[in-house]
Protein backbone atom coordinates (compact mmCIF):
# COMPACT_ATOMS: atom_id res chain seq x y z
CA MET A 1 12.38 -40.31 -23.43
CA LYS A 2 8.91 -38.96 -24.19
CA ARG A 3 6.54 -38.65 -21.24
CA ASP A 4 3.71 -41.19 -20.89
CA TYR A 5 1.06 -38.48 -20.61
CA THR A 6 0.24 -35.56 -22.84
CA LYS A 7 -0.30 -31.86 -22.33
CA ASN A 8 -4.03 -32.39 -22.82
CA LEU A 9 -4.00 -34.87 -19.98
CA ASP A 10 -2.18 -32.31 -17.81
CA ASN A 11 -4.96 -29.82 -18.47
CA ALA A 12 -7.60 -32.41 -17.76
CA ILE A 13 -6.02 -33.14 -14.40
CA ILE A 14 -5.86 -29.43 -13.57
CA ASP A 15 -9.56 -29.14 -14.39
CA CYS A 16 -10.21 -32.01 -12.03
CA ILE A 17 -8.35 -30.15 -9.29
CA ALA A 18 -10.60 -27.15 -9.81
CA ASN A 19 -13.86 -29.12 -9.94
CA THR A 20 -13.38 -32.10 -7.67
CA ASP A 21 -15.52 -32.84 -4.63
CA LYS A 22 -15.10 -35.35 -1.86
CA ALA A 23 -16.80 -38.18 -3.76
CA LEU A 24 -14.18 -38.01 -6.52
CA ASN A 25 -11.11 -37.75 -4.31
CA ASP A 26 -10.26 -41.47 -4.47
CA ILE A 27 -10.51 -41.47 -8.25
CA ILE A 28 -8.38 -38.35 -8.60
CA SER A 29 -5.79 -39.74 -6.18
CA HIS A 30 -5.54 -42.96 -8.21
CA VAL A 31 -5.10 -40.99 -11.48
CA PHE A 32 -2.34 -38.87 -9.93
CA GLU A 33 -0.53 -41.95 -8.66
CA LEU A 34 -0.69 -43.65 -12.07
CA ILE A 35 0.80 -40.55 -13.72
CA MET A 36 3.56 -40.28 -11.11
CA SER A 37 4.37 -43.96 -11.57
CA ALA A 38 4.68 -43.41 -15.33
CA GLU A 39 6.91 -40.38 -14.68
CA GLN A 40 9.12 -42.39 -12.38
CA SER A 41 9.48 -45.17 -14.97
CA GLU A 42 10.58 -42.58 -17.50
CA TYR A 43 13.01 -41.05 -15.00
CA LEU A 44 14.58 -44.36 -13.93
CA GLY A 45 14.59 -45.84 -17.42
CA TYR A 46 12.73 -49.03 -16.68
CA VAL A 47 9.14 -50.18 -16.08
CA HIS A 48 8.15 -51.26 -12.59
CA GLY A 49 9.11 -54.91 -12.00
CA LYS A 50 11.50 -55.14 -14.99
CA ARG A 51 14.75 -53.73 -13.60
CA ASP A 52 18.12 -55.13 -14.52
CA ASP A 53 20.15 -54.66 -11.34
CA LYS A 54 23.43 -54.71 -13.21
CA ASN A 55 22.57 -51.82 -15.52
CA VAL A 56 20.64 -49.45 -13.18
CA ASP A 57 22.31 -47.25 -10.55
CA ASN A 58 19.05 -45.95 -9.06
CA LYS A 59 15.79 -47.70 -8.21
CA ARG A 60 12.38 -47.26 -6.60
CA ASN A 61 12.21 -46.75 -2.85
CA GLY A 62 8.58 -46.85 -1.74
CA PHE A 63 6.24 -43.88 -1.24
CA TYR A 64 5.50 -40.94 1.00
CA LYS A 65 2.15 -39.34 1.74
CA LYS A 66 1.33 -35.84 0.47
CA ALA A 67 -1.81 -33.76 0.97
CA VAL A 68 -3.20 -32.11 -2.17
CA GLN A 69 -5.41 -29.05 -1.78
CA SER A 70 -8.30 -28.61 -4.21
CA LEU A 71 -10.76 -25.74 -4.18
CA ASN A 72 -13.22 -27.66 -2.02
CA SER A 73 -11.20 -30.19 -0.04
CA THR A 74 -7.88 -31.80 0.76
CA PHE A 75 -7.03 -35.38 -0.23
CA SER A 76 -4.00 -37.61 0.14
CA ILE A 77 -1.81 -39.23 -2.52
CA ASN A 78 1.14 -41.63 -2.43
CA VAL A 79 4.19 -40.00 -4.03
CA PRO A 80 6.84 -42.48 -5.28
CA ARG A 81 10.44 -42.12 -4.11
CA ASP A 82 13.77 -43.22 -5.58
CA ARG A 83 16.79 -44.51 -3.69
CA LEU A 84 18.91 -41.42 -4.44
CA GLY A 85 16.11 -38.98 -3.57
CA ASN A 86 16.34 -37.05 -6.85
CA PHE A 87 12.96 -37.84 -8.43
CA LYS A 88 10.48 -34.93 -8.43
CA PRO A 89 7.10 -35.68 -10.09
CA GLY A 90 6.17 -33.02 -12.65
CA ILE A 91 2.46 -33.39 -11.90
CA LEU A 92 3.07 -32.02 -8.39
CA GLU A 93 4.53 -28.86 -9.92
CA LEU A 94 1.41 -28.52 -12.08
CA ILE A 95 -0.74 -28.78 -8.98
CA LYS A 96 1.46 -26.30 -7.13
CA ASP A 97 1.47 -23.82 -10.04
CA LYS A 98 -2.29 -24.06 -10.47
CA ARG A 99 -2.89 -23.46 -6.80
CA ALA A 100 -0.50 -20.52 -6.79
CA ASP A 101 -2.35 -19.01 -9.77
CA LEU A 102 -5.68 -19.40 -8.01
CA ASP A 103 -4.27 -17.89 -4.82
CA ALA A 104 -2.88 -14.94 -6.77
CA LEU A 105 -6.22 -14.37 -8.48
CA ALA A 106 -8.13 -14.60 -5.20
CA PHE A 107 -5.80 -12.10 -3.56
CA GLN A 108 -6.03 -9.70 -6.50
CA LEU A 109 -9.82 -9.77 -6.18
CA TYR A 110 -9.53 -9.27 -2.43
CA MET A 111 -7.14 -6.38 -2.96
CA LYS A 112 -9.61 -4.69 -5.31
CA GLY A 113 -12.11 -4.59 -2.45
CA LEU A 114 -14.25 -7.65 -3.12
CA THR A 115 -15.59 -9.50 -0.09
CA THR A 116 -14.99 -13.18 0.57
CA ARG A 117 -18.56 -13.85 -0.53
CA ASP A 118 -17.94 -12.05 -3.83
CA ILE A 119 -14.79 -14.11 -4.43
CA GLU A 120 -16.59 -17.35 -3.62
CA ASP A 121 -19.28 -16.50 -6.17
CA ILE A 122 -16.74 -15.65 -8.87
CA PHE A 123 -14.86 -18.92 -8.38
CA ASP A 124 -18.12 -20.84 -8.38
CA ASP A 125 -19.16 -19.23 -11.68
CA HIS A 126 -15.85 -19.50 -13.51
CA PHE A 127 -14.11 -22.52 -11.98
CA GLY A 128 -17.00 -24.68 -10.86
CA GLY A 129 -15.79 -24.64 -7.29
CA LYS A 130 -15.86 -22.29 -4.34
CA TYR A 131 -12.89 -20.57 -2.80
CA SER A 132 -13.50 -20.90 0.92
CA LYS A 133 -13.37 -18.09 3.45
CA SER A 134 -10.58 -20.01 5.16
CA GLY A 135 -8.65 -19.86 1.87
CA ILE A 136 -8.95 -16.08 1.78
CA SER A 137 -7.97 -15.94 5.44
CA ARG A 138 -4.89 -18.04 4.71
CA ILE A 139 -3.82 -15.74 1.89
CA ALA A 140 -4.42 -12.65 4.04
CA THR A 141 -2.33 -14.16 6.82
CA GLU A 142 0.52 -14.87 4.41
CA PHE A 143 0.33 -11.29 3.13
CA THR A 144 0.39 -9.95 6.69
CA ASP A 145 4.01 -11.11 7.04
CA THR A 146 4.93 -9.29 3.81
CA ARG A 147 3.04 -6.21 4.97
CA ASP A 148 4.74 -6.07 8.38
CA LYS A 149 8.19 -6.32 6.81
CA TRP A 150 7.29 -3.56 4.35
CA LEU A 151 6.02 -1.29 7.14
CA ALA A 152 9.14 -1.87 9.23
CA ARG A 153 11.70 -1.46 6.43
CA PRO A 154 14.50 1.08 6.92
CA LEU A 155 13.99 4.46 5.24
CA ASN A 156 16.37 6.79 3.42
CA SER A 157 17.93 9.44 5.63
CA ASP A 158 17.42 12.50 3.39
CA TRP A 159 14.06 13.68 2.01
CA TYR A 160 13.02 16.86 0.27
CA ALA A 161 9.40 16.54 1.36
CA ILE A 162 7.06 14.35 3.40
CA TYR A 163 3.27 14.62 3.06
CA ILE A 164 1.01 13.13 5.71
CA ASP A 165 -2.74 12.67 5.85
CA ALA A 166 -5.35 10.52 7.57
CA LEU A 167 -8.03 8.32 6.01
CA GLN A 168 -11.26 7.56 7.85
CA VAL A 169 -12.17 3.87 7.53
CA ASN A 170 -15.17 1.98 8.92
CA ILE A 171 -13.93 -0.61 11.45
CA LYS A 172 -16.02 -3.02 13.50
CA ARG A 173 -15.29 -3.20 17.23
CA ASP A 174 -18.63 -4.35 18.64
CA THR A 175 -20.09 -1.51 16.56
CA VAL A 176 -18.92 -0.02 13.27
CA GLU A 177 -17.24 3.36 13.56
CA LYS A 178 -14.75 5.39 11.55
CA GLU A 179 -11.10 5.12 12.55
CA ALA A 180 -8.04 7.03 11.38
CA PHE A 181 -5.40 5.39 9.20
CA TYR A 182 -2.42 7.73 8.82
CA ILE A 183 -0.47 7.63 5.57
CA ALA A 184 2.84 9.33 4.74
CA ILE A 185 4.48 9.70 1.34
CA GLY A 186 7.59 11.61 0.39
CA ILE A 187 10.12 12.77 -2.19
CA ARG A 188 13.63 11.46 -1.56
CA ASN A 189 16.73 13.43 -2.41
CA ASP A 190 17.20 11.30 -5.53
CA LEU A 191 13.85 12.73 -6.79
CA THR A 192 11.97 9.43 -6.47
CA ARG A 193 8.81 9.08 -4.40
CA ASP A 194 7.87 6.46 -1.85
CA VAL A 195 5.24 5.58 0.72
CA LEU A 196 6.82 5.76 4.17
CA GLY A 197 4.12 3.84 5.98
CA VAL A 198 0.59 3.39 7.29
CA TRP A 199 -0.46 3.69 10.94
CA ASN A 200 -3.78 3.04 12.66
CA ASN A 201 -5.12 5.01 15.60
CA PRO A 202 -8.89 5.02 16.27
CA THR A 203 -8.99 8.80 16.71
CA GLU A 204 -7.09 11.40 14.72
CA ASN A 205 -5.27 13.21 17.49
CA LYS A 206 -1.90 14.51 18.65
CA GLU A 207 -0.87 11.11 20.01
CA GLY A 208 -1.61 9.43 16.68
CA TRP A 209 0.41 11.97 14.73
CA GLU A 210 3.29 11.66 17.17
CA GLU A 211 3.36 7.88 16.60
CA VAL A 212 3.71 8.54 12.87
CA VAL A 213 6.51 11.09 13.13
CA LYS A 214 8.37 9.10 15.79
CA ASP A 215 8.28 5.91 13.71
CA ILE A 216 9.57 7.77 10.65
CA LYS A 217 12.46 9.06 12.74
CA GLN A 218 13.27 5.66 14.25
CA ARG A 219 13.37 3.98 10.84
CA GLY A 220 16.19 6.17 9.61
CA VAL A 221 14.86 9.55 8.42
CA THR A 222 17.15 12.29 9.70
CA ASN A 223 16.82 15.26 7.33
CA VAL A 224 13.62 16.65 5.79
CA LEU A 225 13.26 20.03 4.12
CA TYR A 226 9.55 20.31 4.83
CA PHE A 227 6.46 18.43 5.99
CA ALA A 228 3.06 19.22 4.51
CA ALA A 229 -0.30 18.31 6.02
CA ASP A 230 -3.84 19.51 6.48
CA GLY A 231 -2.99 21.81 9.39
CA PHE A 232 -4.08 19.49 12.24
CA GLN A 233 -3.74 21.49 15.43
CA GLY A 234 -0.54 20.64 17.30
CA LEU A 235 1.04 18.77 14.39
CA PRO A 236 3.76 21.40 13.70
CA THR A 237 4.83 21.15 17.34
CA THR A 238 5.00 17.37 17.13
CA ILE A 239 7.11 17.52 13.97
CA ASN A 240 9.41 20.10 15.53
CA LYS A 241 10.01 17.74 18.46
CA TYR A 242 11.60 15.11 16.19
CA PHE A 243 12.73 17.26 13.24
CA PRO A 244 13.51 20.69 14.71
CA LYS A 245 14.98 22.10 11.47
CA ALA A 246 12.24 20.93 9.12
CA ASP A 247 9.71 23.42 7.79
CA PHE A 248 5.97 22.83 8.04
CA GLN A 249 3.38 23.77 5.41
CA SER A 250 -0.33 23.79 6.19
CA CYS A 251 -2.37 22.91 3.13
CA VAL A 252 -3.66 26.16 1.62
CA VAL A 253 -6.12 24.43 -0.69
CA HIS A 254 -7.87 22.76 2.24
CA LYS A 255 -8.01 26.01 4.14
CA LYS A 256 -9.54 27.85 1.16
CA ARG A 257 -12.23 25.18 0.90
CA ASN A 258 -12.95 25.46 4.62
CA VAL A 259 -13.29 29.24 4.41
CA LEU A 260 -15.58 29.09 1.40
CA SER A 261 -17.78 26.54 3.16
CA LYS A 262 -18.50 29.17 5.85
CA VAL A 263 -19.81 31.92 3.55
CA ARG A 264 -22.95 32.45 1.53
CA ALA A 265 -23.09 31.38 -2.10
CA SER A 266 -23.47 35.01 -3.13
CA ASP A 267 -20.13 35.88 -1.47
CA LYS A 268 -18.08 32.87 -2.59
CA THR A 269 -16.71 34.48 -5.76
CA ASP A 270 -15.49 37.62 -3.96
CA VAL A 271 -14.05 35.66 -1.03
CA ALA A 272 -12.20 33.29 -3.38
CA ALA A 273 -10.74 36.23 -5.31
CA ASP A 274 -9.51 37.87 -2.10
CA LEU A 275 -7.97 34.58 -0.91
CA ASN A 276 -6.02 34.34 -4.16
CA LYS A 277 -4.56 37.76 -3.38
CA VAL A 278 -3.46 36.50 0.04
CA PHE A 279 -1.72 33.33 -1.13
CA VAL A 280 0.45 34.44 -4.04
CA LEU A 281 2.28 31.77 -6.02
CA GLU A 282 5.34 31.84 -8.25
CA ASP A 283 6.33 35.43 -7.41
CA PRO A 284 9.98 35.59 -6.21
CA SER A 285 9.34 38.89 -4.43
CA PHE A 286 6.47 37.52 -2.33
CA THR A 287 7.44 36.79 1.28
CA SER A 288 5.87 35.16 4.30
CA ALA A 289 5.71 38.50 6.10
CA GLU A 290 3.77 40.06 3.23
CA GLY A 291 1.45 37.06 3.17
CA LYS A 292 0.65 37.44 6.86
CA ASN A 293 -0.14 41.13 6.34
CA ARG A 294 -2.50 40.31 3.49
CA LEU A 295 -4.12 37.58 5.58
CA SER A 296 -4.73 40.05 8.42
CA GLU A 297 -6.44 42.43 5.98
CA PHE A 298 -8.58 39.59 4.66
CA ILE A 299 -9.64 38.59 8.18
CA ASN A 300 -10.46 42.20 9.09
CA VAL A 301 -12.65 42.65 5.99
CA TRP A 302 -14.55 39.35 5.92
CA GLY A 303 -14.41 38.65 9.66
CA LYS A 304 -16.87 41.48 10.24
CA LYS A 305 -19.51 39.61 8.22
CA TYR A 306 -18.50 36.06 9.14
CA LYS A 307 -17.14 35.78 12.68
CA SER A 308 -16.12 32.15 12.11
CA ILE A 309 -13.38 33.34 9.73
CA LYS A 310 -11.58 35.07 12.59
CA ASN A 311 -11.21 31.73 14.40
CA MET A 312 -9.94 29.86 11.35
CA PHE A 313 -6.48 31.46 11.34
CA PRO A 314 -4.92 31.40 14.85
CA GLU A 315 -2.14 33.98 15.12
CA ASN A 316 0.52 31.46 16.13
CA GLU A 317 -0.20 29.23 13.12
CA GLN A 318 -0.52 31.78 10.31
CA HIS A 319 3.12 31.59 9.23
CA HIS A 320 2.70 27.87 8.42
CA TYR A 321 0.48 28.80 5.47
CA PHE A 322 3.30 30.75 3.79
CA THR A 323 6.22 28.30 4.12
CA TYR A 324 6.08 27.73 0.36
CA SER A 325 7.23 31.30 -0.28
CA LYS A 326 10.84 30.52 0.80
CA TYR A 327 11.19 27.74 -1.78
CA PRO A 328 11.96 27.93 -5.52
CA VAL A 329 8.95 29.22 -7.44
CA LYS A 330 9.02 26.13 -9.66
CA MET A 331 7.90 23.90 -6.79
CA GLN A 332 5.61 26.22 -4.84
CA ARG A 333 2.43 24.70 -6.25
CA MET A 334 3.68 21.31 -5.12
CA ILE A 335 4.31 22.58 -1.59
CA TYR A 336 1.29 24.65 -0.70
CA THR A 337 -1.16 21.78 -1.21
CA THR A 338 -1.33 18.11 -0.22
CA ASN A 339 -2.93 17.13 -3.52
CA CYS A 340 -0.21 14.57 -4.22
CA ILE A 341 -1.23 12.47 -1.23
CA GLU A 342 -4.91 13.26 -1.72
CA SER A 343 -4.84 11.65 -5.17
CA LEU A 344 -3.32 8.53 -3.65
CA ASN A 345 -5.89 8.47 -0.87
CA LYS A 346 -8.63 8.83 -3.45
CA LYS A 347 -7.48 5.58 -5.06
CA ILE A 348 -7.57 3.83 -1.68
CA ARG A 349 -11.02 5.24 -0.87
CA ARG A 350 -12.41 3.81 -4.10
CA THR A 351 -11.18 0.37 -3.05
CA ILE A 352 -12.34 0.42 0.57
CA LYS A 353 -15.70 1.91 -0.43
CA ILE A 354 -16.57 -1.38 -2.13
CA ARG A 355 -15.97 -3.19 1.15
CA GLY A 356 -18.10 -0.81 3.23
CA SER A 357 -16.59 -1.82 6.57
CA PHE A 358 -13.92 -4.17 7.92
CA GLN A 359 -14.16 -6.83 10.61
CA ASN A 360 -11.03 -5.50 12.29
CA GLU A 361 -8.19 -3.03 11.79
CA ASP A 362 -5.85 -5.79 10.58
CA SER A 363 -7.97 -6.61 7.53
CA ALA A 364 -8.23 -2.91 6.69
CA MET A 365 -4.47 -2.50 7.07
CA ASN A 366 -3.88 -5.43 4.71
CA LEU A 367 -6.06 -3.97 1.98
CA ILE A 368 -4.64 -0.45 2.30
CA CYS A 369 -1.04 -1.69 2.26
CA ALA A 370 -1.72 -3.97 -0.71
CA CYS A 371 -3.00 -0.96 -2.66
CA LEU A 372 0.02 1.13 -1.68
CA ILE A 373 2.57 -1.57 -2.47
CA GLU A 374 0.99 -2.07 -5.89
CA HIS A 375 0.95 1.70 -6.40
CA CYS A 376 4.65 2.00 -5.62
CA GLU A 377 5.66 -0.93 -7.84
CA TYR A 378 3.57 -0.30 -10.94
CA ASN A 379 2.91 3.41 -11.36
CA LEU A 380 4.91 6.63 -11.60
CA TYR A 381 6.27 6.25 -8.08
CA LYS A 382 9.19 4.33 -9.55
CA TYR A 383 10.12 7.30 -11.75
CA LYS A 384 11.78 10.55 -10.77
CA VAL A 385 9.86 13.78 -10.25
CA THR A 386 11.03 15.38 -13.46
CA SER A 387 9.63 18.82 -12.59
CA LEU A 388 12.30 19.16 -9.88
CA ILE A 389 15.34 18.15 -11.93
CA ASP A 390 16.24 21.75 -12.84
CA ILE A 391 16.21 22.89 -9.20
CA LYS A 392 17.76 19.80 -7.60
CA TYR A 393 21.01 21.65 -6.96
CA GLU A 394 19.14 24.37 -5.06
CA LEU A 395 17.22 21.81 -3.00
CA ASP A 396 20.43 19.95 -2.16
CA ARG A 397 21.97 23.20 -1.01
CA MET A 398 18.97 23.89 1.26
CA LEU A 399 19.18 20.38 2.69
CA GLU A 400 22.90 20.73 3.32
CA ASN A 401 22.36 24.07 5.05
CA GLN A 402 19.84 22.38 7.29
CA LYS A 403 22.43 19.75 8.27
CA VAL A 404 25.03 22.45 8.98
CA SER A 405 22.56 24.27 11.21
CA LYS A 406 22.03 21.08 13.21
CA ILE A 407 25.78 20.70 13.73
CA GLU A 408 26.09 24.28 14.90
CA ILE A 409 23.36 23.73 17.47
């Protein structure tokens, strides 16, 4: 039986949902109820008041109240029921679908870094109604549950690499100050990449890094070939506490930038050339021992002119800059820098820059995690790292040797 209302009427009702205000609520409620009554007549096969008891197995059974949420307010409607409880008004699904679409759009705008005021203005311009701050808060709260489950999910046991870094984000706690949000990404032993998590600690320090590494361990990671980070003091010791057989690589690219920032412009070209001689890539004969010797020569030469250079390479940390030399030459460029996580952080920074600052760490965590979840689902993170396919066997062998070493201990 053909419905008593048309698709155009459906659209008209949806427009009413988007544009209604309190003065029109009674009218809109009455229209909804008329449509649902017509739907029920179609479903039952008879018009209200003209039922033949002998030929009808089901019948009307009163109403129940339901709150309908518009952009600006909530109003009540009477939803008809049938005796068997099978009747579901189609107009309610239209309302539900429309609201879900608006929620999805609002959250997408929020995720891109727009403020609640920006979103309200957009909805006012394009839909003739405002999306309230409480609406954004409701969506954020719903996402928080998704976020917490994502952050607590179990992790694969075996990883070739894990890169960790910290973002500085403006958070309001009485005053606005920068706080550290730690992010870890990695390459699993199936050659796919993933974000392991996000952690907040107001200050980037040893305790914050230990929270990150400990959580990674507790969620199932047992074997990692190497960790790479920006050489935060004490981090290698923290990693060794939970992953004693994993290697650690301090980011060489960051260190080069730091060194060059300490010298005059007239010396930058020569210093950069000498640094390239220290950190040799893709040479199978190059070893960590040779790298340390070259680094000592570099410090002796340039440390005479710039004393700060002598303090930039503590003796007990120098070997961490040459970890890459023990790995296949095909992946050395991937190891000796944290560019892979830096590019991801750059994407996040663009988003949070629009916001300026956050009212609390929870709202910042929501936005960062939303960006990361989207990144993992829709970009190259779902594909394998093709550059490592040819050396996967060698990496598997190194990982297996690491496991054997643990057993022997």
